[in-house]
Amino acid sequence: MLGEHYSRAFALHGQKPEGVDWGPEPDDHKIRLDRMLAVTELGTPKVRTTLLDVGCGFGSLLDLIHERDMAVDYHGIDLCVSMIKAAQSKYPDAQWLVGDILKTDIPEKYDYVVCNGILTQKLGASISEMDEFAKALISKMFKLCEIGIAFNLMTTHVNFMVPNLFYRNPVELLGWCMTELTPRVRLDHAYPLFEYTLYLYREDAPGLVYGSHRRSKAE
């Protein structure tokens, strides 16, 4: 269902935000891409890092990576064949794969794994079905990362909801992530869109330095 939905959107709008079923504002789209790349702010500085973009569309995240001259070996996976063909045509040296991340055997791991937009759109799925899908996708992404992951969802802190979108309470999802996956998390609910981005990091990720907790005399 998702593949057909995005194929129709891309056929209608082409390589612009509407082509991946976002709103028409390019600035909003760039904010979302920026929030995805913010996951790389933590971790060991390397000559190059590796990144897997789940639901990569036509490769707009790679546009921003090139614009910023970031040393990233980029890999993209998407269900939509036409989007992947467009991405391959523009960036033939990047790694592109057509497939469902939950059904595709991916033997390698990446420093970072990101997912922009897949968990915001539920289409005809029920809330419970979408919640199950979200947890499976987040878990698979975390399994594939060496350092951390980033993904976005619609926030429940709104004054109305659109039926085809998936809204998830950020506090509840944050709690699930911290209980089931890792306590090393960041939540960004501050940017000016009706959504939020969650960042999960491995406790043993190289280069992540955390302060130690020491008991005071009063304790």
N, C-alpha and C. Protein backbone atom coordinates (compact mmCIF):
# COMPACT_ATOMS: atom_id res chain seq x y z
N MET A 1 0.83 -1.21 0.00
CA MET A 1 0.00 0.00 0.00
C MET A 1 0.87 1.27 0.00
N LEU A 2 1.88 1.30 0.88
CA LEU A 2 2.74 2.48 0.94
C LEU A 2 3.47 2.71 -0.37
N GLY A 3 3.99 1.62 -0.96
CA GLY A 3 4.72 1.77 -2.22
C GLY A 3 3.85 2.35 -3.31
N GLU A 4 2.60 1.87 -3.42
CA GLU A 4 1.68 2.39 -4.44
C GLU A 4 1.34 3.85 -4.17
N HIS A 5 1.13 4.18 -2.90
CA HIS A 5 0.78 5.55 -2.53
C HIS A 5 1.87 6.53 -2.94
N TYR A 6 3.11 6.20 -2.61
CA TYR A 6 4.21 7.13 -2.93
C TYR A 6 4.56 7.12 -4.41
N SER A 7 4.32 6.00 -5.09
CA SER A 7 4.53 5.96 -6.53
C SER A 7 3.58 6.93 -7.24
N ARG A 8 2.32 6.97 -6.77
CA ARG A 8 1.35 7.90 -7.35
C ARG A 8 1.75 9.35 -7.07
N ALA A 9 2.18 9.62 -5.85
CA ALA A 9 2.58 10.98 -5.49
C ALA A 9 3.77 11.43 -6.33
N PHE A 10 4.72 10.53 -6.53
CA PHE A 10 5.92 10.88 -7.31
C PHE A 10 5.57 11.07 -8.78
N ALA A 11 4.68 10.23 -9.31
CA ALA A 11 4.27 10.36 -10.71
C ALA A 11 3.57 11.69 -10.95
N LEU A 12 2.84 12.16 -9.94
CA LEU A 12 2.07 13.40 -10.07
C LEU A 12 2.94 14.65 -9.88
N HIS A 13 3.88 14.60 -8.93
CA HIS A 13 4.61 15.82 -8.55
C HIS A 13 6.10 15.80 -8.87
N GLY A 14 6.68 14.62 -9.07
CA GLY A 14 8.10 14.56 -9.40
C GLY A 14 9.01 14.85 -8.21
N GLN A 15 10.22 15.33 -8.50
CA GLN A 15 11.25 15.49 -7.48
C GLN A 15 11.12 16.81 -6.71
N LYS A 16 10.09 16.88 -5.90
CA LYS A 16 9.88 18.00 -4.98
C LYS A 16 9.11 17.47 -3.77
N PRO A 17 8.97 18.26 -2.71
CA PRO A 17 8.37 17.72 -1.49
C PRO A 17 7.05 17.00 -1.68
N GLU A 18 6.17 17.52 -2.56
CA GLU A 18 4.89 16.85 -2.78
C GLU A 18 5.07 15.45 -3.37
N GLY A 19 6.20 15.23 -4.04
CA GLY A 19 6.48 13.94 -4.64
C GLY A 19 6.70 12.83 -3.63
N VAL A 20 7.01 13.21 -2.39
CA VAL A 20 7.11 12.22 -1.30
C VAL A 20 5.99 12.46 -0.29
N ASP A 21 4.94 13.13 -0.74
CA ASP A 21 3.72 13.39 0.04
C ASP A 21 3.94 14.26 1.26
N TRP A 22 4.88 15.21 1.16
CA TRP A 22 4.99 16.27 2.14
C TRP A 22 4.25 17.49 1.61
N GLY A 23 4.15 18.52 2.44
CA GLY A 23 3.53 19.76 1.99
C GLY A 23 4.40 20.45 0.95
N PRO A 24 3.87 21.50 0.31
CA PRO A 24 4.57 22.13 -0.81
C PRO A 24 5.72 23.06 -0.42
N GLU A 25 5.91 23.33 0.89
CA GLU A 25 6.92 24.29 1.30
C GLU A 25 8.32 23.65 1.32
N PRO A 26 9.22 24.08 0.44
CA PRO A 26 10.57 23.51 0.44
C PRO A 26 11.33 23.79 1.72
N ASP A 27 11.06 24.90 2.39
CA ASP A 27 11.75 25.20 3.65
C ASP A 27 11.38 24.20 4.73
N ASP A 28 10.10 23.79 4.78
CA ASP A 28 9.68 22.79 5.75
C ASP A 28 10.39 21.46 5.49
N HIS A 29 10.49 21.10 4.21
CA HIS A 29 11.15 19.86 3.84
C HIS A 29 12.62 19.89 4.26
N LYS A 30 13.26 21.03 4.09
CA LYS A 30 14.68 21.14 4.45
C LYS A 30 14.87 21.07 5.96
N ILE A 31 13.90 21.60 6.72
CA ILE A 31 13.97 21.48 8.18
C ILE A 31 13.97 20.01 8.58
N ARG A 32 13.10 19.23 7.96
CA ARG A 32 13.03 17.80 8.29
C ARG A 32 14.34 17.09 7.94
N LEU A 33 14.91 17.42 6.80
CA LEU A 33 16.17 16.81 6.40
C LEU A 33 17.28 17.20 7.38
N ASP A 34 17.28 18.45 7.79
CA ASP A 34 18.27 18.93 8.76
C ASP A 34 18.16 18.17 10.07
N ARG A 35 16.93 17.90 10.52
CA ARG A 35 16.73 17.15 11.77
C ARG A 35 17.24 15.72 11.64
N MET A 36 17.15 15.14 10.45
CA MET A 36 17.70 13.80 10.25
C MET A 36 19.22 13.82 10.39
N LEU A 37 19.87 14.77 9.76
CA LEU A 37 21.34 14.83 9.80
C LEU A 37 21.87 15.21 11.18
N ALA A 38 21.01 15.78 12.03
CA ALA A 38 21.44 16.14 13.38
C ALA A 38 21.83 14.92 14.19
N VAL A 39 21.42 13.72 13.76
CA VAL A 39 21.81 12.50 14.47
C VAL A 39 23.32 12.32 14.46
N THR A 40 24.00 12.87 13.46
CA THR A 40 25.45 12.68 13.33
C THR A 40 26.25 13.59 14.26
N GLU A 41 25.57 14.44 15.02
CA GLU A 41 26.28 15.35 15.91
C GLU A 41 26.95 14.62 17.07
N LEU A 42 26.49 13.40 17.37
CA LEU A 42 27.12 12.59 18.40
C LEU A 42 27.80 11.39 17.74
N GLY A 43 28.96 11.03 18.27
CA GLY A 43 29.68 9.89 17.75
C GLY A 43 31.13 10.24 17.46
N THR A 44 31.93 9.23 17.25
CA THR A 44 33.35 9.42 17.00
C THR A 44 33.57 10.10 15.66
N PRO A 45 34.32 11.22 15.64
CA PRO A 45 34.66 11.82 14.35
C PRO A 45 35.46 10.83 13.50
N LYS A 46 35.04 10.62 12.29
CA LYS A 46 35.72 9.71 11.37
C LYS A 46 36.05 10.45 10.09
N VAL A 47 36.95 9.83 9.31
CA VAL A 47 37.21 10.39 7.99
C VAL A 47 35.92 10.39 7.19
N ARG A 48 35.18 9.27 7.28
CA ARG A 48 33.86 9.18 6.66
C ARG A 48 32.96 8.36 7.56
N THR A 49 31.67 8.69 7.56
CA THR A 49 30.70 7.88 8.29
C THR A 49 29.75 7.25 7.28
N THR A 50 29.03 6.22 7.73
CA THR A 50 28.05 5.56 6.86
C THR A 50 26.65 5.85 7.36
N LEU A 51 25.73 6.02 6.44
CA LEU A 51 24.35 6.36 6.80
C LEU A 51 23.38 5.63 5.88
N LEU A 52 22.37 5.01 6.48
CA LEU A 52 21.29 4.38 5.73
C LEU A 52 20.04 5.22 5.87
N ASP A 53 19.46 5.61 4.74
CA ASP A 53 18.26 6.44 4.68
C ASP A 53 17.08 5.54 4.32
N VAL A 54 16.24 5.24 5.31
CA VAL A 54 15.10 4.34 5.13
C VAL A 54 13.91 5.16 4.60
N GLY A 55 13.38 4.75 3.45
CA GLY A 55 12.35 5.55 2.80
C GLY A 55 12.98 6.78 2.17
N CYS A 56 14.06 6.55 1.43
CA CYS A 56 14.91 7.64 0.92
C CYS A 56 14.26 8.48 -0.16
N GLY A 57 13.17 7.97 -0.77
CA GLY A 57 12.54 8.74 -1.85
C GLY A 57 13.50 8.93 -3.01
N PHE A 58 13.53 10.14 -3.55
CA PHE A 58 14.40 10.42 -4.69
C PHE A 58 15.76 10.96 -4.26
N GLY A 59 16.09 10.83 -2.97
CA GLY A 59 17.43 11.18 -2.51
C GLY A 59 17.63 12.61 -2.09
N SER A 60 16.59 13.27 -1.60
CA SER A 60 16.74 14.68 -1.23
C SER A 60 17.67 14.87 -0.03
N LEU A 61 17.78 13.85 0.84
CA LEU A 61 18.72 13.96 1.95
C LEU A 61 20.15 14.01 1.44
N LEU A 62 20.42 13.27 0.38
CA LEU A 62 21.76 13.30 -0.20
C LEU A 62 22.06 14.66 -0.82
N ASP A 63 21.03 15.35 -1.32
CA ASP A 63 21.22 16.72 -1.80
C ASP A 63 21.81 17.60 -0.69
N LEU A 64 21.24 17.49 0.51
CA LEU A 64 21.70 18.31 1.63
C LEU A 64 23.09 17.87 2.10
N ILE A 65 23.35 16.58 2.07
CA ILE A 65 24.68 16.08 2.43
C ILE A 65 25.74 16.67 1.51
N HIS A 66 25.45 16.71 0.21
CA HIS A 66 26.39 17.30 -0.75
C HIS A 66 26.49 18.81 -0.56
N GLU A 67 25.36 19.45 -0.31
CA GLU A 67 25.36 20.90 -0.09
C GLU A 67 26.26 21.28 1.08
N ARG A 68 26.28 20.45 2.11
CA ARG A 68 27.09 20.73 3.30
C ARG A 68 28.48 20.11 3.22
N ASP A 69 28.75 19.42 2.13
CA ASP A 69 30.06 18.79 1.92
C ASP A 69 30.40 17.86 3.09
N MET A 70 29.43 17.04 3.49
CA MET A 70 29.63 16.12 4.59
C MET A 70 30.30 14.83 4.11
N ALA A 71 31.20 14.32 4.90
CA ALA A 71 31.91 13.08 4.56
C ALA A 71 31.07 11.89 4.97
N VAL A 72 30.09 11.55 4.14
CA VAL A 72 29.14 10.49 4.46
C VAL A 72 29.03 9.53 3.28
N ASP A 73 29.19 8.24 3.56
CA ASP A 73 28.89 7.21 2.58
C ASP A 73 27.40 6.89 2.71
N TYR A 74 26.65 7.32 1.73
CA TYR A 74 25.18 7.29 1.79
C TYR A 74 24.62 6.03 1.14
N HIS A 75 23.63 5.43 1.79
CA HIS A 75 22.89 4.29 1.25
C HIS A 75 21.41 4.60 1.41
N GLY A 76 20.63 4.36 0.37
CA GLY A 76 19.19 4.64 0.43
C GLY A 76 18.37 3.41 0.07
N ILE A 77 17.24 3.21 0.77
CA ILE A 77 16.33 2.12 0.46
C ILE A 77 14.91 2.66 0.44
N ASP A 78 14.12 2.22 -0.54
CA ASP A 78 12.74 2.69 -0.68
C ASP A 78 11.93 1.65 -1.44
N LEU A 79 10.62 1.65 -1.18
CA LEU A 79 9.71 0.74 -1.86
C LEU A 79 9.39 1.19 -3.29
N CYS A 80 9.53 2.48 -3.55
CA CYS A 80 9.10 3.06 -4.82
C CYS A 80 10.19 2.95 -5.88
N VAL A 81 9.95 2.12 -6.89
CA VAL A 81 10.95 1.88 -7.93
C VAL A 81 11.26 3.15 -8.71
N SER A 82 10.25 3.94 -9.04
CA SER A 82 10.47 5.14 -9.85
C SER A 82 11.32 6.17 -9.10
N MET A 83 11.15 6.27 -7.78
CA MET A 83 11.98 7.19 -7.00
C MET A 83 13.43 6.74 -6.98
N ILE A 84 13.65 5.45 -6.79
CA ILE A 84 15.01 4.92 -6.76
C ILE A 84 15.69 5.12 -8.11
N LYS A 85 14.96 4.93 -9.20
CA LYS A 85 15.54 5.15 -10.53
C LYS A 85 15.95 6.61 -10.71
N ALA A 86 15.12 7.53 -10.23
CA ALA A 86 15.44 8.95 -10.32
C ALA A 86 16.67 9.27 -9.48
N ALA A 87 16.74 8.68 -8.28
CA ALA A 87 17.89 8.91 -7.40
C ALA A 87 19.17 8.35 -8.02
N GLN A 88 19.09 7.16 -8.60
CA GLN A 88 20.26 6.55 -9.24
C GLN A 88 20.75 7.38 -10.41
N SER A 89 19.81 7.96 -11.14
CA SER A 89 20.18 8.78 -12.29
C SER A 89 20.94 10.03 -11.86
N LYS A 90 20.54 10.60 -10.72
CA LYS A 90 21.19 11.83 -10.23
C LYS A 90 22.49 11.54 -9.50
N TYR A 91 22.50 10.44 -8.73
CA TYR A 91 23.68 10.10 -7.93
C TYR A 91 24.06 8.64 -8.18
N PRO A 92 24.66 8.34 -9.32
CA PRO A 92 24.98 6.95 -9.65
C PRO A 92 26.04 6.31 -8.75
N ASP A 93 26.81 7.11 -8.06
CA ASP A 93 27.86 6.56 -7.20
C ASP A 93 27.37 6.18 -5.80
N ALA A 94 26.16 6.60 -5.43
CA ALA A 94 25.59 6.24 -4.14
C ALA A 94 25.00 4.83 -4.23
N GLN A 95 24.69 4.27 -3.08
CA GLN A 95 24.13 2.91 -3.03
C GLN A 95 22.62 3.00 -2.86
N TRP A 96 21.87 2.39 -3.80
CA TRP A 96 20.41 2.46 -3.78
C TRP A 96 19.82 1.06 -3.81
N LEU A 97 18.75 0.87 -3.07
CA LEU A 97 18.11 -0.44 -3.00
C LEU A 97 16.60 -0.28 -2.98
N VAL A 98 15.91 -1.07 -3.80
CA VAL A 98 14.45 -1.13 -3.77
C VAL A 98 14.05 -2.26 -2.84
N GLY A 99 13.25 -1.95 -1.82
CA GLY A 99 12.83 -3.00 -0.91
C GLY A 99 12.16 -2.47 0.34
N ASP A 100 11.59 -3.39 1.10
CA ASP A 100 10.96 -3.13 2.38
C ASP A 100 11.99 -3.44 3.46
N ILE A 101 12.34 -2.46 4.25
CA ILE A 101 13.39 -2.62 5.26
C ILE A 101 13.07 -3.75 6.24
N LEU A 102 11.78 -4.00 6.49
CA LEU A 102 11.40 -5.05 7.43
C LEU A 102 11.49 -6.45 6.81
N LYS A 103 11.53 -6.53 5.49
CA LYS A 103 11.57 -7.82 4.82
C LYS A 103 12.88 -8.07 4.09
N THR A 104 13.74 -7.08 4.07
CA THR A 104 15.01 -7.18 3.35
C THR A 104 16.14 -7.58 4.29
N ASP A 105 16.90 -8.58 3.89
CA ASP A 105 18.06 -9.00 4.67
C ASP A 105 19.22 -8.06 4.37
N ILE A 106 19.60 -7.28 5.36
CA ILE A 106 20.70 -6.33 5.20
C ILE A 106 21.84 -6.79 6.10
N PRO A 107 22.88 -7.39 5.53
CA PRO A 107 23.93 -8.01 6.35
C PRO A 107 24.85 -7.02 7.04
N GLU A 108 25.00 -5.83 6.50
CA GLU A 108 25.93 -4.87 7.08
C GLU A 108 25.23 -3.92 8.04
N LYS A 109 26.04 -3.21 8.84
CA LYS A 109 25.53 -2.19 9.73
C LYS A 109 26.05 -0.82 9.29
N TYR A 110 25.39 0.22 9.76
CA TYR A 110 25.74 1.59 9.40
C TYR A 110 25.95 2.40 10.68
N ASP A 111 26.79 3.42 10.60
CA ASP A 111 26.96 4.28 11.77
C ASP A 111 25.62 4.86 12.18
N TYR A 112 24.89 5.38 11.20
CA TYR A 112 23.60 6.03 11.47
C TYR A 112 22.53 5.49 10.53
N VAL A 113 21.30 5.41 11.05
CA VAL A 113 20.15 5.02 10.23
C VAL A 113 19.05 6.05 10.49
N VAL A 114 18.47 6.60 9.43
CA VAL A 114 17.45 7.63 9.59
C VAL A 114 16.20 7.26 8.80
N CYS A 115 15.07 7.82 9.22
CA CYS A 115 13.80 7.56 8.55
C CYS A 115 12.95 8.83 8.62
N ASN A 116 12.78 9.48 7.50
CA ASN A 116 12.06 10.76 7.44
C ASN A 116 10.71 10.58 6.76
N GLY A 117 9.64 10.53 7.55
CA GLY A 117 8.31 10.58 6.96
C GLY A 117 7.50 9.30 6.96
N ILE A 118 8.15 8.15 6.98
CA ILE A 118 7.39 6.90 6.89
C ILE A 118 6.42 6.75 8.06
N LEU A 119 6.83 7.17 9.24
CA LEU A 119 6.00 6.99 10.43
C LEU A 119 5.03 8.15 10.66
N THR A 120 4.94 9.06 9.73
CA THR A 120 3.95 10.14 9.86
C THR A 120 2.66 9.83 9.10
N GLN A 121 2.72 8.87 8.17
CA GLN A 121 1.61 8.58 7.27
C GLN A 121 1.05 7.20 7.55
N LYS A 122 -0.23 7.13 7.97
CA LYS A 122 -0.81 5.81 8.25
C LYS A 122 -1.77 5.34 7.16
N LEU A 123 -2.22 6.24 6.28
CA LEU A 123 -3.16 5.89 5.22
C LEU A 123 -4.38 5.20 5.82
N GLY A 124 -4.67 3.96 5.41
CA GLY A 124 -5.87 3.28 5.89
C GLY A 124 -5.63 2.35 7.07
N ALA A 125 -4.41 2.33 7.59
CA ALA A 125 -4.09 1.45 8.71
C ALA A 125 -4.76 1.96 9.99
N SER A 126 -5.03 1.04 10.90
CA SER A 126 -5.58 1.44 12.20
C SER A 126 -4.46 1.96 13.08
N ILE A 127 -4.82 2.60 14.18
CA ILE A 127 -3.82 3.11 15.11
C ILE A 127 -2.99 1.97 15.68
N SER A 128 -3.64 0.87 16.05
CA SER A 128 -2.91 -0.26 16.62
C SER A 128 -1.98 -0.90 15.60
N GLU A 129 -2.43 -1.01 14.35
CA GLU A 129 -1.58 -1.56 13.29
C GLU A 129 -0.37 -0.67 13.05
N MET A 130 -0.61 0.63 13.04
CA MET A 130 0.48 1.56 12.80
C MET A 130 1.45 1.57 13.97
N ASP A 131 0.94 1.45 15.18
CA ASP A 131 1.81 1.42 16.35
C ASP A 131 2.71 0.19 16.32
N GLU A 132 2.16 -0.94 15.93
CA GLU A 132 2.94 -2.17 15.82
C GLU A 132 4.01 -2.03 14.73
N PHE A 133 3.62 -1.44 13.60
CA PHE A 133 4.56 -1.21 12.51
C PHE A 133 5.68 -0.28 12.94
N ALA A 134 5.34 0.80 13.64
CA ALA A 134 6.33 1.77 14.09
C ALA A 134 7.36 1.12 15.00
N LYS A 135 6.90 0.32 15.95
CA LYS A 135 7.83 -0.33 16.87
C LYS A 135 8.74 -1.31 16.15
N ALA A 136 8.18 -2.03 15.17
CA ALA A 136 9.00 -2.97 14.40
C ALA A 136 10.05 -2.24 13.57
N LEU A 137 9.65 -1.12 12.97
CA LEU A 137 10.58 -0.36 12.13
C LEU A 137 11.69 0.27 12.98
N ILE A 138 11.32 0.88 14.10
CA ILE A 138 12.31 1.51 14.97
C ILE A 138 13.30 0.46 15.49
N SER A 139 12.78 -0.70 15.86
CA SER A 139 13.65 -1.77 16.36
C SER A 139 14.62 -2.25 15.29
N LYS A 140 14.14 -2.38 14.05
CA LYS A 140 15.00 -2.83 12.94
C LYS A 140 16.07 -1.78 12.65
N MET A 141 15.69 -0.52 12.66
CA MET A 141 16.67 0.54 12.44
C MET A 141 17.75 0.51 13.51
N PHE A 142 17.34 0.33 14.76
CA PHE A 142 18.31 0.33 15.85
C PHE A 142 19.24 -0.87 15.74
N LYS A 143 18.70 -1.99 15.28
CA LYS A 143 19.52 -3.19 15.09
C LYS A 143 20.59 -2.96 14.03
N LEU A 144 20.29 -2.12 13.04
CA LEU A 144 21.21 -1.90 11.93
C LEU A 144 22.24 -0.79 12.19
N CYS A 145 22.13 -0.09 13.31
CA CYS A 145 23.04 1.04 13.54
C CYS A 145 24.20 0.66 14.45
N GLU A 146 25.33 1.34 14.24
CA GLU A 146 26.49 1.22 15.12
C GLU A 146 26.51 2.34 16.16
N ILE A 147 25.96 3.50 15.80
CA ILE A 147 25.99 4.66 16.70
C ILE A 147 24.58 5.11 17.07
N GLY A 148 23.75 5.50 16.09
CA GLY A 148 22.44 6.01 16.45
C GLY A 148 21.47 6.07 15.28
N ILE A 149 20.20 6.37 15.62
CA ILE A 149 19.14 6.48 14.61
C ILE A 149 18.32 7.75 14.87
N ALA A 150 17.61 8.17 13.83
CA ALA A 150 16.70 9.32 13.94
C ALA A 150 15.45 9.02 13.12
N PHE A 151 14.28 9.42 13.66
CA PHE A 151 13.03 9.24 12.94
C PHE A 151 12.03 10.27 13.45
N ASN A 152 11.03 10.59 12.64
CA ASN A 152 10.05 11.60 13.03
C ASN A 152 8.62 11.06 12.98
N LEU A 153 7.76 11.66 13.81
CA LEU A 153 6.34 11.31 13.87
C LEU A 153 5.53 12.58 14.09
N MET A 154 4.25 12.50 13.81
CA MET A 154 3.35 13.61 14.10
C MET A 154 3.11 13.67 15.61
N THR A 155 3.11 14.87 16.17
CA THR A 155 2.90 15.01 17.59
C THR A 155 1.41 15.06 17.94
N THR A 156 1.08 14.60 19.12
CA THR A 156 -0.30 14.69 19.61
C THR A 156 -0.58 16.06 20.23
N HIS A 157 0.42 16.89 20.32
CA HIS A 157 0.24 18.23 20.89
C HIS A 157 -0.21 19.20 19.78
N VAL A 158 -1.40 18.98 19.27
CA VAL A 158 -1.98 19.77 18.19
C VAL A 158 -3.45 20.05 18.53
N ASN A 159 -4.04 21.00 17.81
CA ASN A 159 -5.45 21.31 18.08
C ASN A 159 -6.41 20.64 17.08
N PHE A 160 -5.88 19.90 16.13
CA PHE A 160 -6.71 19.04 15.28
C PHE A 160 -5.81 17.98 14.65
N MET A 161 -6.44 16.91 14.18
CA MET A 161 -5.69 15.81 13.58
C MET A 161 -6.26 15.45 12.22
N VAL A 162 -5.39 15.13 11.28
CA VAL A 162 -5.79 14.73 9.93
C VAL A 162 -5.91 13.21 9.91
N PRO A 163 -7.01 12.64 9.39
CA PRO A 163 -7.26 11.20 9.49
C PRO A 163 -6.18 10.30 8.91
N ASN A 164 -5.50 10.72 7.84
CA ASN A 164 -4.53 9.83 7.20
C ASN A 164 -3.13 9.88 7.83
N LEU A 165 -2.94 10.75 8.84
CA LEU A 165 -1.64 10.87 9.47
C LEU A 165 -1.60 10.10 10.79
N PHE A 166 -0.38 9.74 11.20
CA PHE A 166 -0.18 8.96 12.42
C PHE A 166 0.40 9.86 13.51
N TYR A 167 -0.39 10.07 14.55
CA TYR A 167 0.03 10.91 15.67
C TYR A 167 0.39 10.01 16.85
N ARG A 168 1.52 10.29 17.47
CA ARG A 168 1.98 9.47 18.60
C ARG A 168 2.45 10.38 19.71
N ASN A 169 1.96 10.14 20.92
CA ASN A 169 2.37 10.94 22.06
C ASN A 169 3.89 10.82 22.24
N PRO A 170 4.63 11.91 22.17
CA PRO A 170 6.09 11.83 22.26
C PRO A 170 6.60 11.27 23.57
N VAL A 171 5.93 11.57 24.67
CA VAL A 171 6.36 11.07 25.98
C VAL A 171 6.20 9.56 26.06
N GLU A 172 5.07 9.05 25.55
CA GLU A 172 4.82 7.61 25.58
C GLU A 172 5.82 6.86 24.70
N LEU A 173 6.09 7.39 23.51
CA LEU A 173 7.03 6.71 22.62
C LEU A 173 8.45 6.79 23.17
N LEU A 174 8.79 7.93 23.74
CA LEU A 174 10.11 8.07 24.37
C LEU A 174 10.28 7.03 25.47
N GLY A 175 9.25 6.84 26.27
CA GLY A 175 9.30 5.84 27.34
C GLY A 175 9.51 4.44 26.81
N TRP A 176 8.80 4.11 25.72
CA TRP A 176 8.96 2.78 25.12
C TRP A 176 10.38 2.59 24.61
N CYS A 177 10.93 3.59 23.94
CA CYS A 177 12.29 3.50 23.41
C CYS A 177 13.31 3.32 24.52
N MET A 178 13.14 4.05 25.61
CA MET A 178 14.09 3.97 26.73
C MET A 178 13.98 2.63 27.45
N THR A 179 12.78 2.05 27.49
CA THR A 179 12.58 0.77 28.16
C THR A 179 13.04 -0.40 27.31
N GLU A 180 12.73 -0.35 26.01
CA GLU A 180 12.97 -1.50 25.13
C GLU A 180 14.28 -1.45 24.37
N LEU A 181 14.82 -0.25 24.12
CA LEU A 181 15.98 -0.15 23.24
C LEU A 181 17.22 0.46 23.89
N THR A 182 17.11 1.67 24.41
CA THR A 182 18.30 2.33 24.96
C THR A 182 17.88 3.53 25.82
N PRO A 183 18.63 3.83 26.88
CA PRO A 183 18.36 5.03 27.66
C PRO A 183 19.03 6.27 27.07
N ARG A 184 19.86 6.07 26.05
CA ARG A 184 20.59 7.19 25.43
C ARG A 184 19.73 7.80 24.34
N VAL A 185 18.94 8.80 24.68
CA VAL A 185 17.95 9.35 23.75
C VAL A 185 17.97 10.87 23.75
N ARG A 186 17.47 11.43 22.66
CA ARG A 186 17.20 12.87 22.56
C ARG A 186 15.84 13.04 21.90
N LEU A 187 15.08 14.01 22.35
CA LEU A 187 13.77 14.33 21.75
C LEU A 187 13.79 15.79 21.32
N ASP A 188 13.54 16.03 20.04
CA ASP A 188 13.47 17.40 19.53
C ASP A 188 12.03 17.70 19.14
N HIS A 189 11.38 18.50 19.99
CA HIS A 189 10.01 18.91 19.77
C HIS A 189 9.95 20.43 19.56
N ALA A 190 11.12 21.03 19.28
CA ALA A 190 11.22 22.50 19.29
C ALA A 190 11.13 23.14 17.91
N TYR A 191 11.32 22.37 16.84
CA TYR A 191 11.29 23.01 15.52
C TYR A 191 9.84 23.30 15.09
N PRO A 192 9.64 24.27 14.21
CA PRO A 192 8.29 24.82 13.97
C PRO A 192 7.41 24.01 13.01
N LEU A 193 7.26 22.71 13.28
CA LEU A 193 6.35 21.87 12.51
C LEU A 193 5.55 21.02 13.50
N PHE A 194 4.46 20.42 13.05
CA PHE A 194 3.58 19.67 13.96
C PHE A 194 4.06 18.23 14.11
N GLU A 195 5.31 18.09 14.46
CA GLU A 195 5.93 16.77 14.56
C GLU A 195 7.11 16.86 15.52
N TYR A 196 7.80 15.76 15.70
CA TYR A 196 9.00 15.73 16.52
C TYR A 196 9.95 14.68 15.97
N THR A 197 11.21 14.79 16.34
CA THR A 197 12.22 13.82 15.93
C THR A 197 12.83 13.20 17.17
N LEU A 198 12.95 11.89 17.15
CA LEU A 198 13.59 11.16 18.23
C LEU A 198 14.95 10.63 17.77
N TYR A 199 15.92 10.71 18.67
CA TYR A 199 17.27 10.21 18.40
C TYR A 199 17.60 9.15 19.45
N LEU A 200 17.98 7.98 19.00
CA LEU A 200 18.36 6.89 19.89
C LEU A 200 19.82 6.53 19.62
N TYR A 201 20.60 6.37 20.68
CA TYR A 201 22.01 6.03 20.54
C TYR A 201 22.34 4.77 21.32
N ARG A 202 23.26 4.01 20.80
CA ARG A 202 23.72 2.81 21.49
C ARG A 202 24.55 3.20 22.71
N GLU A 203 24.36 2.47 23.79
CA GLU A 203 25.11 2.76 25.00
C GLU A 203 26.61 2.54 24.81
N ASP A 204 26.96 1.59 23.93
CA ASP A 204 28.37 1.29 23.70
C ASP A 204 28.89 1.93 22.42
N ALA A 205 28.18 2.93 21.88
CA ALA A 205 28.59 3.56 20.63
C ALA A 205 29.94 4.26 20.80
N PRO A 206 30.84 4.12 19.84
CA PRO A 206 32.15 4.75 19.95
C PRO A 206 32.05 6.27 19.99
N GLY A 207 32.75 6.87 20.95
CA GLY A 207 32.83 8.33 21.00
C GLY A 207 31.74 9.02 21.78
N LEU A 208 30.73 8.29 22.25
CA LEU A 208 29.69 8.92 23.04
C LEU A 208 30.15 8.99 24.49
N VAL A 209 30.28 10.19 25.00
CA VAL A 209 30.79 10.38 26.36
C VAL A 209 29.68 10.94 27.23
N TYR A 210 29.41 10.29 28.32
CA TYR A 210 28.35 10.72 29.22
C TYR A 210 28.94 11.00 30.59
N GLY A 211 28.34 11.93 31.30
CA GLY A 211 28.78 12.22 32.66
C GLY A 211 28.44 11.08 33.59
N SER A 212 29.26 10.88 34.61
CA SER A 212 29.00 9.81 35.56
C SER A 212 28.19 10.36 36.73
N HIS A 213 27.35 9.50 37.30
CA HIS A 213 26.55 9.91 38.45
C HIS A 213 27.26 9.45 39.71
N ARG A 214 27.51 10.36 40.60
CA ARG A 214 28.16 10.01 41.86
C ARG A 214 27.24 10.40 43.02
N ARG A 215 27.17 9.54 43.99
CA ARG A 215 26.35 9.82 45.16
C ARG A 215 27.01 10.92 45.99
N SER A 216 26.24 11.91 46.37
CA SER A 216 26.75 12.98 47.23
C SER A 216 26.68 12.54 48.68
N LYS A 217 27.32 13.27 49.54
CA LYS A 217 27.28 12.94 50.95
C LYS A 217 25.86 13.00 51.50
N ALA A 218 25.06 13.91 50.92
CA ALA A 218 23.67 14.04 51.39
C ALA A 218 22.87 12.78 51.06
N GLU A 219 23.27 12.04 49.99
CA GLU A 219 22.56 10.84 49.62
C GLU A 219 22.93 9.67 50.54
